[in-house]
Protein backbone atom coordinates (compact mmCIF):
# COMPACT_ATOMS: atom_id res chain seq x y z
CA LEU A 1 89.07 149.45 134.24
CA PRO A 2 88.90 152.98 135.59
CA PRO A 3 88.99 153.18 139.08
CA GLY A 4 85.42 152.82 140.47
CA GLY A 5 84.85 151.49 137.66
CA CYS A 6 84.79 147.48 138.83
CA ARG A 7 82.33 148.95 141.74
CA ALA A 8 79.90 150.43 139.11
CA PHE A 9 80.46 147.32 136.90
CA TRP A 10 79.42 145.08 140.28
CA GLY A 11 76.38 147.63 140.95
CA TRP A 12 75.21 147.08 136.77
CA LEU A 13 75.80 143.28 137.34
CA ASN A 14 73.85 143.30 140.43
CA ALA A 15 70.90 145.12 139.30
CA VAL A 16 70.64 142.56 135.98
CA PHE A 17 70.79 139.72 138.72
CA ASN A 18 67.68 141.74 140.20
CA LYS A 19 65.73 142.62 137.31
CA VAL A 20 62.61 140.58 137.17
CA ASP A 21 61.15 138.41 134.78
CA HIS A 22 57.63 138.11 134.87
CA GLU A 23 57.43 135.63 131.95
CA ARG A 24 59.63 133.37 134.06
CA ILE A 25 57.53 133.25 137.20
CA ARG A 26 54.36 132.40 134.65
CA ALA A 27 56.49 130.07 133.12
CA VAL A 28 58.17 128.18 136.07
CA GLY A 29 55.97 129.34 138.78
CA PRO A 30 56.93 131.99 141.77
CA ASP A 31 59.07 129.37 143.95
CA ARG A 32 61.11 128.65 141.18
CA ALA A 33 61.51 131.80 139.67
CA ALA A 34 62.41 133.53 143.10
CA SER A 35 64.69 130.71 143.84
CA GLU A 36 66.61 131.30 141.04
CA TRP A 37 66.76 135.13 141.49
CA LEU A 38 67.74 134.40 145.25
CA LEU A 39 70.45 131.97 144.24
CA ARG A 40 71.84 134.17 141.49
CA CYS A 41 72.48 137.14 143.96
CA GLY A 42 74.24 134.42 145.95
CA ALA A 43 71.26 133.90 148.97
CA LEU A 44 70.29 130.53 150.00
CA VAL A 45 66.94 128.99 150.12
CA ARG A 46 65.19 126.25 151.84
CA TYR A 47 62.04 124.34 150.59
CA GLN A 48 59.08 123.06 153.03
CA GLY A 49 60.01 119.63 153.96
CA SER A 50 63.86 119.73 153.71
CA HIS A 51 66.77 120.56 156.04
CA LYS A 52 68.77 121.32 153.24
CA TRP A 53 69.69 124.81 152.20
CA GLN A 54 69.85 125.21 148.51
CA GLN A 55 72.75 127.11 147.36
CA ASP A 56 74.25 125.71 143.84
CA TYR A 57 72.02 127.30 141.25
CA ASN A 58 72.64 124.50 138.89
CA GLY A 59 71.66 122.25 141.58
CA LEU A 60 68.25 123.78 141.72
CA PRO A 61 65.40 120.45 142.22
CA THR A 62 63.70 120.16 139.16
CA GLY A 63 59.84 118.32 139.37
CA PRO A 64 56.35 119.17 138.78
CA LEU A 65 55.56 123.00 138.71
CA GLY A 66 55.10 124.15 142.23
CA LYS A 67 56.16 120.81 143.97
CA TYR A 68 59.12 122.88 145.99
CA LYS A 69 57.96 125.67 148.06
CA ILE A 70 60.28 128.15 149.43
CA GLU A 71 59.95 128.03 153.08
CA ALA A 72 62.99 129.83 154.51
CA ILE A 73 65.61 132.68 152.73
CA ASN A 74 69.09 133.38 153.90
CA ALA A 75 70.25 136.24 152.11
CA THR A 76 73.54 136.85 153.95
CA ASP A 77 76.46 138.45 151.89
CA SER A 78 73.83 138.65 148.69
CA CYS A 79 73.02 141.30 146.58
CA ILE A 80 69.46 141.10 146.92
CA MET A 81 67.87 144.74 146.26
CA TYR A 82 64.70 146.38 145.94
CA ARG A 83 63.86 145.80 142.36
CA GLY A 84 64.16 142.16 143.00
CA PHE A 85 61.66 141.99 145.28
CA ASP A 86 58.34 141.26 143.39
CA TYR A 87 59.56 137.88 142.98
CA LEU A 88 58.58 137.44 146.73
CA ASP A 89 54.65 138.60 145.90
CA GLY A 90 53.86 135.17 144.86
CA LEU A 91 55.53 133.16 147.67
CA GLU A 92 53.09 131.39 149.67
CA HIS A 93 54.85 129.94 152.58
CA VAL A 94 57.99 131.85 153.54
CA THR A 95 58.55 131.38 157.44
CA ASP A 96 61.82 132.61 158.14
CA ILE A 97 63.52 135.57 156.42
CA LYS A 98 67.72 136.40 157.62
CA LEU A 99 69.12 139.39 155.91
CA GLU A 100 72.81 139.78 157.10
CA LYS A 101 75.49 141.89 155.28
CA CYS A 102 73.43 142.86 152.74
CA MET A 103 74.45 146.20 151.32
CA TYR A 104 71.27 147.01 149.00
CA ILE A 105 69.16 146.45 151.79
CA GLN A 106 67.52 149.78 152.78
CA ASP A 107 64.31 150.98 154.40
CA GLU A 108 62.35 150.80 151.08
CA CYS A 109 63.36 146.83 151.09
CA LEU A 110 61.55 146.45 154.79
CA GLN A 111 58.66 148.55 153.37
CA ARG A 112 58.20 146.43 150.54
CA LEU A 113 58.57 143.17 152.28
CA SER A 114 56.02 144.08 155.13
CA GLU A 115 53.58 145.37 152.37
CA THR A 116 53.82 142.36 150.61
CA ASN A 117 50.35 140.14 151.24
CA ASN A 118 51.64 136.56 151.28
CA LEU A 119 54.46 137.27 153.75
CA GLN A 120 51.85 139.27 156.10
CA LYS A 121 50.32 136.10 156.39
CA SER A 122 53.07 133.67 156.42
CA LEU A 123 56.33 135.25 157.77
CA GLN A 124 57.24 134.60 161.41
CA GLN A 125 61.04 134.91 162.09
CA LEU A 126 62.78 137.57 160.79
CA LYS A 127 66.63 138.44 161.34
CA ILE A 128 68.13 141.69 160.22
CA ILE A 129 71.97 141.80 160.87
CA SER A 130 74.67 144.37 159.85
CA CYS A 131 72.90 145.78 157.11
CA GLY A 132 74.09 149.53 157.13
CA ASN A 133 71.53 151.17 155.35
CA VAL A 134 68.75 150.04 157.25
CA THR A 135 67.20 152.88 159.59
CA ASP A 136 64.39 153.15 162.43
CA LYS A 137 61.95 154.29 159.42
CA GLY A 138 62.84 150.64 157.96
CA ILE A 139 62.23 148.72 161.34
CA LEU A 140 58.88 150.68 161.87
CA ALA A 141 57.33 149.66 158.47
CA LEU A 142 57.86 146.03 159.49
CA HIS A 143 54.56 146.42 161.59
CA LYS A 144 52.41 145.46 158.92
CA LEU A 145 53.74 141.69 159.46
CA THR A 146 50.99 140.91 161.87
CA ASN A 147 52.15 136.87 162.12
CA LEU A 148 55.97 137.88 162.73
CA GLU A 149 56.65 136.07 166.19
CA TYR A 150 60.21 136.95 166.26
CA LEU A 151 62.61 139.63 165.26
CA TYR A 152 66.09 139.71 165.83
CA LEU A 153 68.20 143.14 165.17
CA SER A 154 71.93 143.22 165.30
CA ASP A 155 74.92 145.44 164.42
CA LEU A 156 72.45 148.40 162.50
CA PRO A 157 74.56 151.67 162.71
CA GLY A 158 71.41 152.89 161.10
CA ILE A 159 69.08 152.69 164.14
CA ARG A 160 68.90 155.90 166.05
CA GLU A 161 66.35 155.31 168.48
CA LYS A 162 66.46 151.91 169.65
CA GLU A 163 64.16 152.35 172.28
CA LYS A 164 61.35 154.42 170.85
CA THR A 165 61.26 152.40 167.70
CA SER A 166 61.14 148.65 169.67
CA ARG A 167 58.40 150.40 171.95
CA VAL A 168 56.30 151.62 168.70
CA LEU A 169 56.69 147.99 167.08
CA GLN A 170 56.07 146.56 170.04
CA GLN A 171 52.51 148.29 170.76
CA ALA A 172 51.96 147.12 167.14
CA LEU A 173 52.70 143.69 167.39
CA PRO A 174 51.84 143.07 170.88
CA ASN A 175 52.72 139.06 170.45
CA LEU A 176 56.42 140.01 168.54
CA GLU A 177 59.49 138.69 170.38
CA LEU A 178 61.73 141.60 169.66
CA GLU A 179 65.50 140.68 170.67
CA LEU A 180 68.08 143.75 170.15
CA ASP A 181 71.96 143.43 169.73
CA LEU A 182 72.45 147.23 168.82
CA GLU A 183 74.89 149.68 170.36
């Protein structure tokens, strides 16, 4: 491979992993399709009523359509990217999302997250850690997540106006517990 060719290849592969298959969503339901997407990208999911994190793509539980509802997503070190976010639209039970060391997560992703109707209703906890492409703009976009109870922000070098951003967010979401571990 030419220099930089490996990186281009992984970028291409990650784009393939994030391509949304709407037929698949219709065939197996939103939670199963989203589980497949998240695990393909290296994220973990936890289902309602379970304490166990699913990490093995081939070990995904089978059962009646819609039996397993995603409650939590841990996207640490995963390659999830904006183009895959359509998979989140059909999820109705996600209360908890952790985005840590996600190189493809940028402001547009957080905007998309906060504009997802189901997440506006269900999401209670969000942690964003060591995502280098996130700026104040992305954090401010989270104001549409009206049921968010806890937001943890850590190691986000793109955040330049921590005080102003947290003040605006707190005004928009008075019930939000905001925890900052930022330089």
